[in-house]
Amino acid sequence: MAKELLLEIGTEEIPSAFIPPALVYMKDLLEERLRENRIAHGEIKSFGTPRRLVVLVSDVAEEQEERVTQITGPPKGVGFDEHGKPTRAAVGFAKGQGVKVSDLELIETEKGEYLCIRKREGGLDTRELLQKILPEFILSIPFPKSMRWSNSSIRFVRPIHWILALFGREVIPFKLGDLNSSNISFGHHFMKPGPFKVGNATSYFKKMQEAYVVVDPQKRKDMIEKGTMDAAKKMGGTILPDDELLELVTYSVEYPAIICGTFDERFLKLPEDVLIASMREHQRYFAVADKDGNLMPHFMAISNIPIKDTGIVTGHERVLAARLSDAQFFFEVDQKIPLEDRVEQLKGVIFHSELGTSYEKVRRIQALAVFLAEILFPDKRPIVERAARLCKADLTTEMVKEFPKLQGTMGKIYALLSGEPEEVAHAIYEHYLPLRAGGELPSSHVGAIIGLADKMDTICGCFGIGLIPSGTADPYALRRQALGIIHIIRDKGYVLSLSHIINKSISLLGDNLKEIDGETVSMVKEFFELRLYHQLISEDYPYDVIESVLSIYSDDILDSVERIKALNRLRLEGNLEPLVITFKRVANIAGKTEKRMVDPSLFEDPVESLLYEDYRGVAEYTERLFREKDYYSMLLEFLKLKDPVDRYFEGVLVMTSDKNIRDNRLALLGMIYHLFLQLADFSKIITQPSSASLPNTSSI
């Protein structure tokens, strides 16, 4: 009979940002451990609050699944003599496997009859297995930081105070440090802090609710959303959406309650982003807007307990008033120094000890942005140059020092106040975009160009001094920045050579790099290629089609994607496989043949002449299509060579004894091979993609 498995790890307050990734890992890791131990189970769910991490598994089998392992020994002729008696080989094999000779069996193989032993493993009690699995599982949960406490030898994100472990109604007994698992849990730290017994998973959730603990984060999130919306409605406004803040406060409380407060209307004169940052960054307050989207002098805080004491609300209002007064002071002080004058101050701001100051970085961004503008929009060079010069100036402002997330935003605001053109101001903000995967992209070409330059400078600089992402380590977010470049190029339709941009960027870094060589350029290019590969995989393009293009060409991101789209379209229409088969037939014979001229006078068979003429017609037409980047039409032209190639192989012996004729035939096939290879390496494309497994790729 299947049972439910419930594990609760009770701790001191866990930082809210640590909880969501831990819950994902817990679910995946426990599934892996159960699979390794052949324990059948149903759905796995993980839950978390600041004081507890919970995992629930339904329909867990009471016994491990049985496994039969077959071990092959010596051949029958070696294991038994002519009288059928076991030899020393058979006895040794049986002894080595811990069985009797009488347990040996004979099996028929391609090489004849062999001795074998069938070992039955499993049938172990799930409860016993869980006693070993769960302690190791708990200590394997990763966190950005962990700690030891008291005299304990174990490490965890925060001190563990209790462990509840139930299989059905039975406790799974194990010890972790000085703690013993039990059926005891604890309620809300303030509202119902005492211990209570838990009978099973069903009663656990009911008792938690009674103890003022909402274990399910989604339910807490729903409570917060509904509570804030209802409260805002009573104020005649609406809550300003903030998914990040909602996630943060959801994992900061066990029983959410809404606190509504107000602030002085004079603070509404501050820029909206400053007001929101003051509420959000330090206080974790939600902002309230009216029906027109304008901020109202109200805020909402999320408490871990219902608040009846108005003095607590007043306390929140007093703290926010102090924060807003500071912000107002910073805003007034910052405006005394124009952005232009702040550029020189960047000489005192270190970007990286080996890559120089932010002033040096701005000079590189400016030069690279001008380089890009000359390629894409020469008429925008002056505005690009000006915006690039000012793009990091706000790093010296008091406001950005207090609220780092406002970099770019404050630059835009101060640029407008300094009388800079709106296009310059907007580009200062936009050059940081996208801020996250799937985030907003620059709307202007000026912002996009400066953003490309900034991101490329960071990537090339880090690669040049050996700061290359590995595994989960990517302290300078180079993967995100490379993906940002890819998204901007695709969104804007920019035709650019990655090699040229990388080379230019590295040349601008100059003496900052340990060593400038072709290897750095190649590594950066491979890095972009892999990021593009993973992005296209996430868009459901077949991996073999992606590889067929990127293996020969990835320098122009837009061009590479267009080739992949054309190939995928042909596959969806069912016409790619015949083309691939044709290419592979040609490649098998002429794949290593150098491209050279064909001598029609050496043709002996009319089929040769026909194929040559067909090739010339397709080659001439596709030359124009290639220039126009009409890759789908190119593929349709390539398809016209399928039947002529098939007839050629049926009627002509390519590897004839006459060297001149043989070389001429190989030259003809080689020309067809290289014609196809202009677009993609079709040998990378599999004819039955459903049977192939995904390839291994680097973790970069």
Foldseek 3Di string as FASTA:
>chain_A
DFWKKKKKWFFAFFQLVFPPVLQVCLQVVVVVLCVVQQWDWDDKGWWAARGMTMIMTTRTDFWHDKDKDKDWFAAQPQQADPVRHGDPRLCVVQVVVPHHSVQWDWDQDPVGITIMHIDMDIRHGPLVVCQVVVLVSQLPRDGPDWDDDDPFPGIDSGDTDAMEIDTHQDGSWYDHGPYTYHQKDAEDVPQGGDIDGDRGDVSVCVVRVVSQFNGHLVVLLVVVQVQQQVVLVVVQWGWDDDVVLSSSVSRHAGHKDKAKAFEDPVLLVPPPVLLQCLCPVPPSWIWIAHPVRRTDRMIMDIDNDYDDDVVVRVVSRVVSRVSSVVSVVLVVVQLVAALLNLLVVQQVAAPDPLQHTVNLLLVQLLVLLLVVCVVPPPVCNVLLNVLSSRLQSCVPGPSCVVPVVCRLVVSLVRCVVVVHDNVSSLLSNQLCPPPFVVRDHRPDPSNLSSNLSSLLLVLLLCLLAPNDDAFPDDVPPNLGSLVNNLVSCQVVVDFAFQLVSNVSSNVSSPPSGPDDDPVSSVVSQVSSLVSLLVVVVVVVQQSLLLCQQSVQDPRGVNLSVLLSVLLSVCVVVVNNLLLLVLLVVLCVQQVPPDADDADVVLDDDVLVVVLLVLLVVLLVVVVVVVVVSVNNVNVVSSSVNSVSSVVCVVPDDLPDPPPVSNSNSSNSSNSNNVSVPVRTNSNSDDSDSVPDDDDDDGSD
